Amino acid sequence: MNRRTHSPRRMHLGLLTPNETSNIIKRERERRRLIRYIQVRQQSNENARIIREKVKAARKREVTKIKKRITDSIVRRMSRERSIFSPVKTTPDGIRASSTSRRRKAILENEERAARRHMEALERLRKERQARRARRITAIERRKKAEREANLRSRLQADRIQMLKK
């Protein structure tokens, strides 16, 4: 006579009222729904992370390809310029040496001028910063002085009002 058609869990729920049973079932469904929702979010986050990594790797590969192309083109251009501007074999060695020494002198002069301009620019920048700092400090001092004077006036006025009240 003791037939078990329900699971032991179901039989335990049989001891509860129908409302309690439906509430327990609803809570369990909600709990499982939330767990599924969390799992889906985790999966989507993982998929997004994988996609971001793939995109980053592809971008890195592309950047390295572009860098390689640019450096190759620069090397080719430099070798072409060297072959075009290389001194002709028929020129005497003395002429070739004097032209290179003139070039070196010009390069050194340009570097010296650039260094001088750099130092002048740094000096100008330092002076501008000092002037800006001085303007800020004077503005702050003026503001503090105005606040002190306003406080003094308000104290004097408050003292007069209290004297009149007495």
N, C-alpha and C. Protein backbone atom coordinates (compact mmCIF):
# COMPACT_ATOMS: atom_id res chain seq x y z
N MET A 1 0.81 -1.19 0.00
CA MET A 1 0.00 0.00 0.00
C MET A 1 0.85 1.25 0.00
N ASN A 2 2.02 1.12 0.51
CA ASN A 2 2.89 2.28 0.64
C ASN A 2 3.62 2.49 -0.68
N ARG A 3 2.95 3.11 -1.62
CA ARG A 3 3.55 3.38 -2.92
C ARG A 3 4.23 4.73 -2.87
N ARG A 4 5.42 4.73 -3.42
CA ARG A 4 6.14 6.01 -3.47
C ARG A 4 6.09 6.53 -4.88
N THR A 5 5.20 7.44 -5.12
CA THR A 5 5.13 8.06 -6.44
C THR A 5 5.87 9.38 -6.45
N HIS A 6 6.06 9.92 -5.29
CA HIS A 6 6.76 11.20 -5.18
C HIS A 6 8.14 10.96 -4.58
N SER A 7 9.02 11.91 -4.84
CA SER A 7 10.34 11.83 -4.23
C SER A 7 10.21 12.14 -2.75
N PRO A 8 11.20 11.77 -1.95
CA PRO A 8 11.11 12.06 -0.51
C PRO A 8 11.00 13.56 -0.25
N ARG A 9 11.59 14.32 -1.10
CA ARG A 9 11.52 15.77 -0.95
C ARG A 9 10.09 16.24 -1.14
N ARG A 10 9.43 15.70 -2.14
CA ARG A 10 8.04 16.05 -2.42
C ARG A 10 7.15 15.67 -1.24
N MET A 11 7.46 14.54 -0.66
CA MET A 11 6.64 14.10 0.47
C MET A 11 6.84 15.05 1.65
N HIS A 12 8.06 15.55 1.79
CA HIS A 12 8.33 16.51 2.85
C HIS A 12 7.54 17.78 2.60
N LEU A 13 7.43 18.17 1.31
CA LEU A 13 6.65 19.34 0.98
C LEU A 13 5.17 19.08 1.20
N GLY A 14 4.81 17.83 1.19
CA GLY A 14 3.42 17.49 1.42
C GLY A 14 2.97 17.85 2.82
N LEU A 15 3.88 17.99 3.73
CA LEU A 15 3.54 18.36 5.09
C LEU A 15 3.22 19.85 5.20
N LEU A 16 3.60 20.60 4.17
CA LEU A 16 3.38 22.04 4.19
C LEU A 16 2.04 22.38 3.57
N THR A 17 1.59 23.59 3.83
CA THR A 17 0.35 24.04 3.22
C THR A 17 0.61 24.35 1.76
N PRO A 18 -0.43 24.40 0.96
CA PRO A 18 -0.24 24.70 -0.47
C PRO A 18 0.44 26.05 -0.70
N ASN A 19 0.10 27.06 0.09
CA ASN A 19 0.74 28.37 -0.05
C ASN A 19 2.24 28.30 0.26
N GLU A 20 2.58 27.60 1.34
CA GLU A 20 3.99 27.46 1.68
C GLU A 20 4.75 26.72 0.59
N THR A 21 4.11 25.67 0.07
CA THR A 21 4.74 24.89 -1.00
C THR A 21 4.97 25.77 -2.22
N SER A 22 3.97 26.54 -2.62
CA SER A 22 4.13 27.40 -3.81
C SER A 22 5.18 28.47 -3.55
N ASN A 23 5.23 29.00 -2.33
CA ASN A 23 6.26 30.01 -2.00
C ASN A 23 7.66 29.41 -2.08
N ILE A 24 7.82 28.20 -1.55
CA ILE A 24 9.13 27.54 -1.60
C ILE A 24 9.53 27.28 -3.05
N ILE A 25 8.59 26.82 -3.85
CA ILE A 25 8.88 26.54 -5.26
C ILE A 25 9.24 27.83 -5.99
N LYS A 26 8.50 28.92 -5.72
CA LYS A 26 8.80 30.21 -6.34
C LYS A 26 10.19 30.69 -5.96
N ARG A 27 10.52 30.59 -4.67
CA ARG A 27 11.85 31.02 -4.23
C ARG A 27 12.96 30.20 -4.89
N GLU A 28 12.73 28.90 -4.99
CA GLU A 28 13.73 28.04 -5.63
C GLU A 28 13.89 28.40 -7.11
N ARG A 29 12.77 28.65 -7.79
CA ARG A 29 12.84 29.06 -9.20
C ARG A 29 13.59 30.39 -9.35
N GLU A 30 13.29 31.33 -8.45
CA GLU A 30 13.96 32.63 -8.49
C GLU A 30 15.46 32.47 -8.24
N ARG A 31 15.80 31.63 -7.26
CA ARG A 31 17.21 31.38 -6.96
C ARG A 31 17.92 30.78 -8.17
N ARG A 32 17.30 29.82 -8.82
CA ARG A 32 17.91 29.20 -10.00
C ARG A 32 18.01 30.19 -11.16
N ARG A 33 16.97 31.04 -11.29
CA ARG A 33 16.99 32.05 -12.35
C ARG A 33 18.16 33.01 -12.13
N LEU A 34 18.36 33.44 -10.89
CA LEU A 34 19.47 34.34 -10.57
C LEU A 34 20.82 33.67 -10.83
N ILE A 35 20.91 32.39 -10.47
CA ILE A 35 22.16 31.66 -10.72
C ILE A 35 22.44 31.60 -12.22
N ARG A 36 21.40 31.30 -13.02
CA ARG A 36 21.57 31.28 -14.49
C ARG A 36 21.99 32.65 -15.00
N TYR A 37 21.36 33.69 -14.45
CA TYR A 37 21.70 35.06 -14.86
C TYR A 37 23.16 35.36 -14.56
N ILE A 38 23.62 34.99 -13.38
CA ILE A 38 25.02 35.22 -13.01
C ILE A 38 25.96 34.43 -13.93
N GLN A 39 25.59 33.18 -14.23
CA GLN A 39 26.42 32.38 -15.12
C GLN A 39 26.52 33.00 -16.51
N VAL A 40 25.39 33.50 -17.00
CA VAL A 40 25.38 34.14 -18.32
C VAL A 40 26.27 35.38 -18.31
N ARG A 41 26.17 36.18 -17.25
CA ARG A 41 27.03 37.37 -17.15
C ARG A 41 28.50 36.99 -17.11
N GLN A 42 28.83 35.96 -16.35
CA GLN A 42 30.22 35.52 -16.28
C GLN A 42 30.71 35.05 -17.65
N GLN A 43 29.86 34.29 -18.35
CA GLN A 43 30.25 33.82 -19.68
C GLN A 43 30.44 34.99 -20.64
N SER A 44 29.53 35.96 -20.58
CA SER A 44 29.66 37.10 -21.50
C SER A 44 30.90 37.93 -21.15
N ASN A 45 31.20 38.08 -19.86
CA ASN A 45 32.43 38.79 -19.47
C ASN A 45 33.66 38.06 -19.97
N GLU A 46 33.67 36.75 -19.84
CA GLU A 46 34.80 35.96 -20.31
C GLU A 46 34.95 36.07 -21.83
N ASN A 47 33.82 35.99 -22.53
CA ASN A 47 33.87 36.13 -24.00
C ASN A 47 34.37 37.52 -24.39
N ALA A 48 33.92 38.55 -23.69
CA ALA A 48 34.37 39.91 -24.00
C ALA A 48 35.86 40.05 -23.73
N ARG A 49 36.35 39.45 -22.65
CA ARG A 49 37.77 39.50 -22.34
C ARG A 49 38.59 38.82 -23.44
N ILE A 50 38.11 37.66 -23.89
CA ILE A 50 38.82 36.94 -24.96
C ILE A 50 38.85 37.77 -26.23
N ILE A 51 37.71 38.39 -26.56
CA ILE A 51 37.65 39.22 -27.77
C ILE A 51 38.60 40.41 -27.64
N ARG A 52 38.61 41.06 -26.45
CA ARG A 52 39.53 42.19 -26.25
C ARG A 52 40.98 41.77 -26.42
N GLU A 53 41.32 40.59 -25.89
CA GLU A 53 42.69 40.10 -26.03
C GLU A 53 43.03 39.85 -27.50
N LYS A 54 42.08 39.26 -28.23
CA LYS A 54 42.33 39.00 -29.66
C LYS A 54 42.51 40.30 -30.42
N VAL A 55 41.67 41.29 -30.12
CA VAL A 55 41.77 42.58 -30.80
C VAL A 55 43.10 43.24 -30.47
N LYS A 56 43.50 43.17 -29.19
CA LYS A 56 44.77 43.77 -28.78
C LYS A 56 45.94 43.09 -29.50
N ALA A 57 45.90 41.77 -29.60
CA ALA A 57 46.97 41.04 -30.28
C ALA A 57 47.00 41.40 -31.77
N ALA A 58 45.80 41.50 -32.38
CA ALA A 58 45.75 41.85 -33.81
C ALA A 58 46.29 43.26 -34.02
N ARG A 59 45.92 44.18 -33.14
CA ARG A 59 46.40 45.55 -33.25
C ARG A 59 47.92 45.60 -33.11
N LYS A 60 48.43 44.82 -32.16
CA LYS A 60 49.88 44.78 -31.95
C LYS A 60 50.59 44.24 -33.19
N ARG A 61 50.04 43.16 -33.77
CA ARG A 61 50.64 42.61 -34.99
C ARG A 61 50.62 43.65 -36.11
N GLU A 62 49.50 44.35 -36.23
CA GLU A 62 49.37 45.36 -37.29
C GLU A 62 50.38 46.48 -37.09
N VAL A 63 50.53 46.92 -35.85
CA VAL A 63 51.49 48.00 -35.57
C VAL A 63 52.91 47.55 -35.89
N THR A 64 53.25 46.32 -35.53
CA THR A 64 54.60 45.84 -35.85
C THR A 64 54.81 45.74 -37.35
N LYS A 65 53.78 45.31 -38.09
CA LYS A 65 53.89 45.26 -39.55
C LYS A 65 54.14 46.65 -40.12
N ILE A 66 53.37 47.62 -39.63
CA ILE A 66 53.51 48.99 -40.13
C ILE A 66 54.89 49.53 -39.78
N LYS A 67 55.36 49.28 -38.55
CA LYS A 67 56.70 49.74 -38.16
C LYS A 67 57.76 49.13 -39.08
N LYS A 68 57.61 47.84 -39.37
CA LYS A 68 58.59 47.17 -40.23
C LYS A 68 58.57 47.78 -41.62
N ARG A 69 57.36 48.02 -42.15
CA ARG A 69 57.26 48.64 -43.49
C ARG A 69 57.92 50.01 -43.50
N ILE A 70 57.66 50.79 -42.47
CA ILE A 70 58.22 52.15 -42.41
C ILE A 70 59.74 52.09 -42.33
N THR A 71 60.26 51.24 -41.44
CA THR A 71 61.72 51.16 -41.33
C THR A 71 62.34 50.66 -42.62
N ASP A 72 61.69 49.69 -43.27
CA ASP A 72 62.22 49.20 -44.55
C ASP A 72 62.25 50.30 -45.59
N SER A 73 61.16 51.09 -45.65
CA SER A 73 61.13 52.16 -46.65
C SER A 73 62.18 53.23 -46.33
N ILE A 74 62.38 53.52 -45.04
CA ILE A 74 63.40 54.50 -44.67
C ILE A 74 64.78 54.00 -45.06
N VAL A 75 65.05 52.72 -44.78
CA VAL A 75 66.36 52.16 -45.13
C VAL A 75 66.56 52.20 -46.64
N ARG A 76 65.53 51.84 -47.39
CA ARG A 76 65.64 51.89 -48.86
C ARG A 76 65.91 53.31 -49.33
N ARG A 77 65.16 54.28 -48.78
CA ARG A 77 65.34 55.67 -49.19
C ARG A 77 66.74 56.17 -48.84
N MET A 78 67.21 55.82 -47.65
CA MET A 78 68.55 56.24 -47.25
C MET A 78 69.61 55.64 -48.17
N SER A 79 69.45 54.37 -48.52
CA SER A 79 70.45 53.76 -49.40
C SER A 79 70.40 54.40 -50.78
N ARG A 80 69.19 54.74 -51.25
CA ARG A 80 69.07 55.43 -52.54
C ARG A 80 69.75 56.78 -52.49
N GLU A 81 69.51 57.53 -51.40
CA GLU A 81 70.12 58.86 -51.27
C GLU A 81 71.63 58.76 -51.18
N ARG A 82 72.13 57.75 -50.48
CA ARG A 82 73.58 57.57 -50.41
C ARG A 82 74.15 57.29 -51.79
N SER A 83 73.45 56.47 -52.55
CA SER A 83 73.98 56.14 -53.88
C SER A 83 73.90 57.36 -54.80
N ILE A 84 72.86 58.20 -54.62
CA ILE A 84 72.72 59.38 -55.47
C ILE A 84 73.74 60.44 -55.08
N PHE A 85 73.85 60.70 -53.76
CA PHE A 85 74.70 61.79 -53.30
C PHE A 85 76.12 61.35 -52.96
N SER A 86 76.45 60.12 -53.19
CA SER A 86 77.82 59.69 -52.88
C SER A 86 78.78 60.40 -53.81
N PRO A 87 79.95 60.75 -53.29
CA PRO A 87 80.91 61.48 -54.13
C PRO A 87 81.31 60.62 -55.33
N VAL A 88 81.47 61.30 -56.42
CA VAL A 88 81.83 60.63 -57.65
C VAL A 88 83.24 60.10 -57.50
N LYS A 89 83.48 58.92 -58.04
CA LYS A 89 84.79 58.28 -57.89
C LYS A 89 85.92 59.07 -58.55
N THR A 90 85.55 59.91 -59.52
CA THR A 90 86.59 60.62 -60.26
C THR A 90 87.09 61.86 -59.53
N THR A 91 86.40 62.31 -58.48
CA THR A 91 86.86 63.52 -57.78
C THR A 91 88.10 63.20 -56.98
N PRO A 92 89.02 64.11 -56.93
CA PRO A 92 90.25 63.88 -56.16
C PRO A 92 89.94 63.80 -54.66
N ASP A 93 90.79 63.11 -53.95
CA ASP A 93 90.57 62.90 -52.52
C ASP A 93 90.60 64.20 -51.73
N GLY A 94 91.40 65.14 -52.10
CA GLY A 94 91.50 66.42 -51.39
C GLY A 94 90.19 67.18 -51.43
N ILE A 95 89.54 67.19 -52.60
CA ILE A 95 88.26 67.90 -52.74
C ILE A 95 87.21 67.21 -51.89
N ARG A 96 87.19 65.89 -51.95
CA ARG A 96 86.21 65.12 -51.18
C ARG A 96 86.40 65.39 -49.68
N ALA A 97 87.61 65.41 -49.20
CA ALA A 97 87.89 65.63 -47.79
C ALA A 97 87.48 67.03 -47.36
N SER A 98 87.74 68.03 -48.19
CA SER A 98 87.38 69.40 -47.80
C SER A 98 85.87 69.57 -47.74
N SER A 99 85.14 68.91 -48.66
CA SER A 99 83.68 69.06 -48.63
C SER A 99 83.11 68.39 -47.39
N THR A 100 83.67 67.25 -46.99
CA THR A 100 83.15 66.60 -45.79
C THR A 100 83.50 67.41 -44.55
N SER A 101 84.69 68.02 -44.51
CA SER A 101 85.03 68.81 -43.33
C SER A 101 84.15 70.05 -43.26
N ARG A 102 83.82 70.65 -44.42
CA ARG A 102 82.89 71.79 -44.41
C ARG A 102 81.53 71.36 -43.89
N ARG A 103 81.09 70.18 -44.32
CA ARG A 103 79.81 69.66 -43.84
C ARG A 103 79.85 69.46 -42.33
N ARG A 104 80.93 68.88 -41.86
CA ARG A 104 81.05 68.65 -40.42
C ARG A 104 81.02 69.96 -39.66
N LYS A 105 81.73 70.96 -40.17
CA LYS A 105 81.73 72.27 -39.52
C LYS A 105 80.31 72.85 -39.48
N ALA A 106 79.62 72.74 -40.62
CA ALA A 106 78.25 73.26 -40.67
C ALA A 106 77.35 72.52 -39.69
N ILE A 107 77.52 71.22 -39.63
CA ILE A 107 76.70 70.43 -38.70
C ILE A 107 77.00 70.84 -37.26
N LEU A 108 78.26 70.99 -36.92
CA LEU A 108 78.63 71.40 -35.56
C LEU A 108 78.08 72.78 -35.23
N GLU A 109 78.17 73.71 -36.19
CA GLU A 109 77.62 75.05 -35.96
C GLU A 109 76.12 74.99 -35.73
N ASN A 110 75.43 74.19 -36.55
CA ASN A 110 73.98 74.05 -36.37
C ASN A 110 73.65 73.47 -35.00
N GLU A 111 74.43 72.49 -34.57
CA GLU A 111 74.19 71.90 -33.26
C GLU A 111 74.43 72.91 -32.15
N GLU A 112 75.47 73.73 -32.29
CA GLU A 112 75.75 74.76 -31.28
C GLU A 112 74.61 75.77 -31.22
N ARG A 113 74.14 76.20 -32.41
CA ARG A 113 73.02 77.15 -32.45
C ARG A 113 71.78 76.54 -31.81
N ALA A 114 71.53 75.27 -32.12
CA ALA A 114 70.35 74.61 -31.55
C ALA A 114 70.47 74.53 -30.03
N ALA A 115 71.66 74.22 -29.53
CA ALA A 115 71.85 74.16 -28.08
C ALA A 115 71.64 75.53 -27.45
N ARG A 116 72.15 76.58 -28.10
CA ARG A 116 71.98 77.94 -27.59
C ARG A 116 70.49 78.31 -27.57
N ARG A 117 69.78 78.02 -28.68
CA ARG A 117 68.34 78.31 -28.73
C ARG A 117 67.60 77.55 -27.63
N HIS A 118 68.01 76.32 -27.41
CA HIS A 118 67.38 75.51 -26.37
C HIS A 118 67.56 76.15 -25.00
N MET A 119 68.78 76.57 -24.70
CA MET A 119 69.05 77.20 -23.41
C MET A 119 68.26 78.50 -23.26
N GLU A 120 68.19 79.29 -24.34
CA GLU A 120 67.43 80.54 -24.29
C GLU A 120 65.95 80.25 -24.05
N ALA A 121 65.43 79.24 -24.71
CA ALA A 121 64.02 78.89 -24.53
C ALA A 121 63.76 78.44 -23.10
N LEU A 122 64.68 77.65 -22.54
CA LEU A 122 64.52 77.23 -21.15
C LEU A 122 64.54 78.42 -20.20
N GLU A 123 65.42 79.37 -20.46
CA GLU A 123 65.51 80.57 -19.62
C GLU A 123 64.22 81.38 -19.71
N ARG A 124 63.71 81.56 -20.94
CA ARG A 124 62.43 82.27 -21.11
C ARG A 124 61.31 81.57 -20.36
N LEU A 125 61.27 80.26 -20.48
CA LEU A 125 60.24 79.48 -19.80
C LEU A 125 60.35 79.65 -18.28
N ARG A 126 61.57 79.62 -17.75
CA ARG A 126 61.77 79.79 -16.31
C ARG A 126 61.29 81.17 -15.86
N LYS A 127 61.63 82.21 -16.65
CA LYS A 127 61.20 83.57 -16.29
C LYS A 127 59.68 83.70 -16.35
N GLU A 128 59.06 83.11 -17.37
CA GLU A 128 57.60 83.16 -17.46
C GLU A 128 56.95 82.49 -16.26
N ARG A 129 57.49 81.34 -15.87
CA ARG A 129 56.94 80.64 -14.71
C ARG A 129 57.11 81.46 -13.44
N GLN A 130 58.27 82.10 -13.27
CA GLN A 130 58.48 82.95 -12.09
C GLN A 130 57.50 84.11 -12.08
N ALA A 131 57.28 84.73 -13.25
CA ALA A 131 56.35 85.85 -13.33
C ALA A 131 54.93 85.39 -12.99
N ARG A 132 54.55 84.23 -13.53
CA ARG A 132 53.22 83.69 -13.23
C ARG A 132 53.07 83.42 -11.74
N ARG A 133 54.10 82.83 -11.14
CA ARG A 133 54.09 82.53 -9.71
C ARG A 133 53.98 83.82 -8.90
N ALA A 134 54.73 84.85 -9.31
CA ALA A 134 54.69 86.14 -8.59
C ALA A 134 53.29 86.76 -8.69
N ARG A 135 52.68 86.70 -9.88
CA ARG A 135 51.32 87.25 -10.04
C ARG A 135 50.34 86.51 -9.15
N ARG A 136 50.46 85.17 -9.09
CA ARG A 136 49.57 84.39 -8.24
C ARG A 136 49.75 84.77 -6.78
N ILE A 137 51.00 84.90 -6.36
CA ILE A 137 51.27 85.24 -4.95
C ILE A 137 50.72 86.61 -4.60
N THR A 138 50.91 87.61 -5.48
CA THR A 138 50.39 88.95 -5.19
C THR A 138 48.86 88.94 -5.15
N ALA A 139 48.23 88.16 -6.03
CA ALA A 139 46.77 88.08 -6.01
C ALA A 139 46.29 87.46 -4.71
N ILE A 140 46.98 86.43 -4.25
CA ILE A 140 46.60 85.79 -2.99
C ILE A 140 46.79 86.75 -1.83
N GLU A 141 47.90 87.48 -1.83
CA GLU A 141 48.15 88.46 -0.75
C GLU A 141 47.10 89.55 -0.74
N ARG A 142 46.72 90.05 -1.92
CA ARG A 142 45.66 91.08 -1.99
C ARG A 142 44.35 90.54 -1.44
N ARG A 143 44.02 89.30 -1.82
CA ARG A 143 42.77 88.71 -1.36
C ARG A 143 42.79 88.57 0.17
N LYS A 144 43.91 88.11 0.73
CA LYS A 144 44.01 87.96 2.18
C LYS A 144 43.89 89.32 2.88
N LYS A 145 44.53 90.34 2.29
CA LYS A 145 44.47 91.68 2.88
C LYS A 145 43.03 92.19 2.86
N ALA A 146 42.33 91.98 1.73
CA ALA A 146 40.94 92.41 1.63
C ALA A 146 40.08 91.67 2.64
N GLU A 147 40.33 90.38 2.83
CA GLU A 147 39.57 89.61 3.82
C GLU A 147 39.83 90.13 5.23
N ARG A 148 41.09 90.43 5.55
CA ARG A 148 41.41 90.97 6.88
C ARG A 148 40.70 92.29 7.11
N GLU A 149 40.73 93.17 6.09
CA GLU A 149 40.07 94.47 6.24
C GLU A 149 38.56 94.30 6.40
N ALA A 150 37.98 93.37 5.62
CA ALA A 150 36.54 93.14 5.73
C ALA A 150 36.19 92.58 7.10
N ASN A 151 37.00 91.67 7.60
CA ASN A 151 36.77 91.12 8.94
C ASN A 151 36.89 92.20 10.01
N LEU A 152 37.88 93.06 9.87
CA LEU A 152 38.07 94.14 10.83
C LEU A 152 36.86 95.08 10.82
N ARG A 153 36.40 95.45 9.61
CA ARG A 153 35.22 96.32 9.51
C ARG A 153 34.00 95.67 10.14
N SER A 154 33.81 94.36 9.84
CA SER A 154 32.62 93.69 10.40
C SER A 154 32.71 93.59 11.92
N ARG A 155 33.91 93.38 12.47
CA ARG A 155 34.06 93.35 13.92
C ARG A 155 33.76 94.71 14.53
N LEU A 156 34.29 95.76 13.90
CA LEU A 156 34.04 97.11 14.41
C LEU A 156 32.55 97.42 14.37
N GLN A 157 31.92 97.03 13.27
CA GLN A 157 30.49 97.29 13.14
C GLN A 157 29.71 96.50 14.19
N ALA A 158 30.10 95.24 14.41
CA ALA A 158 29.43 94.42 15.42
C ALA A 158 29.63 95.01 16.81
N ASP A 159 30.83 95.53 17.08
CA ASP A 159 31.09 96.16 18.37
C ASP A 159 30.22 97.41 18.55
N ARG A 160 30.07 98.20 17.50
CA ARG A 160 29.23 99.41 17.58
C ARG A 160 27.78 99.05 17.85
N ILE A 161 27.32 97.98 17.16
CA ILE A 161 25.93 97.56 17.35
C ILE A 161 25.72 97.11 18.79
N GLN A 162 26.66 96.38 19.34
CA GLN A 162 26.54 95.92 20.73
C GLN A 162 26.59 97.09 21.70
N MET A 163 27.41 98.09 21.40
CA MET A 163 27.50 99.27 22.27
C MET A 163 26.19 100.03 22.24
N LEU A 164 25.55 100.10 21.06
CA LEU A 164 24.28 100.80 20.97
C LEU A 164 23.18 100.06 21.71
N LYS A 165 23.25 98.74 21.73
CA LYS A 165 22.24 97.94 22.42
C LYS A 165 22.34 98.11 23.93
N LYS A 166 23.52 98.42 24.44
CA LYS A 166 23.71 98.56 25.89
C LYS A 166 23.17 99.85 26.31
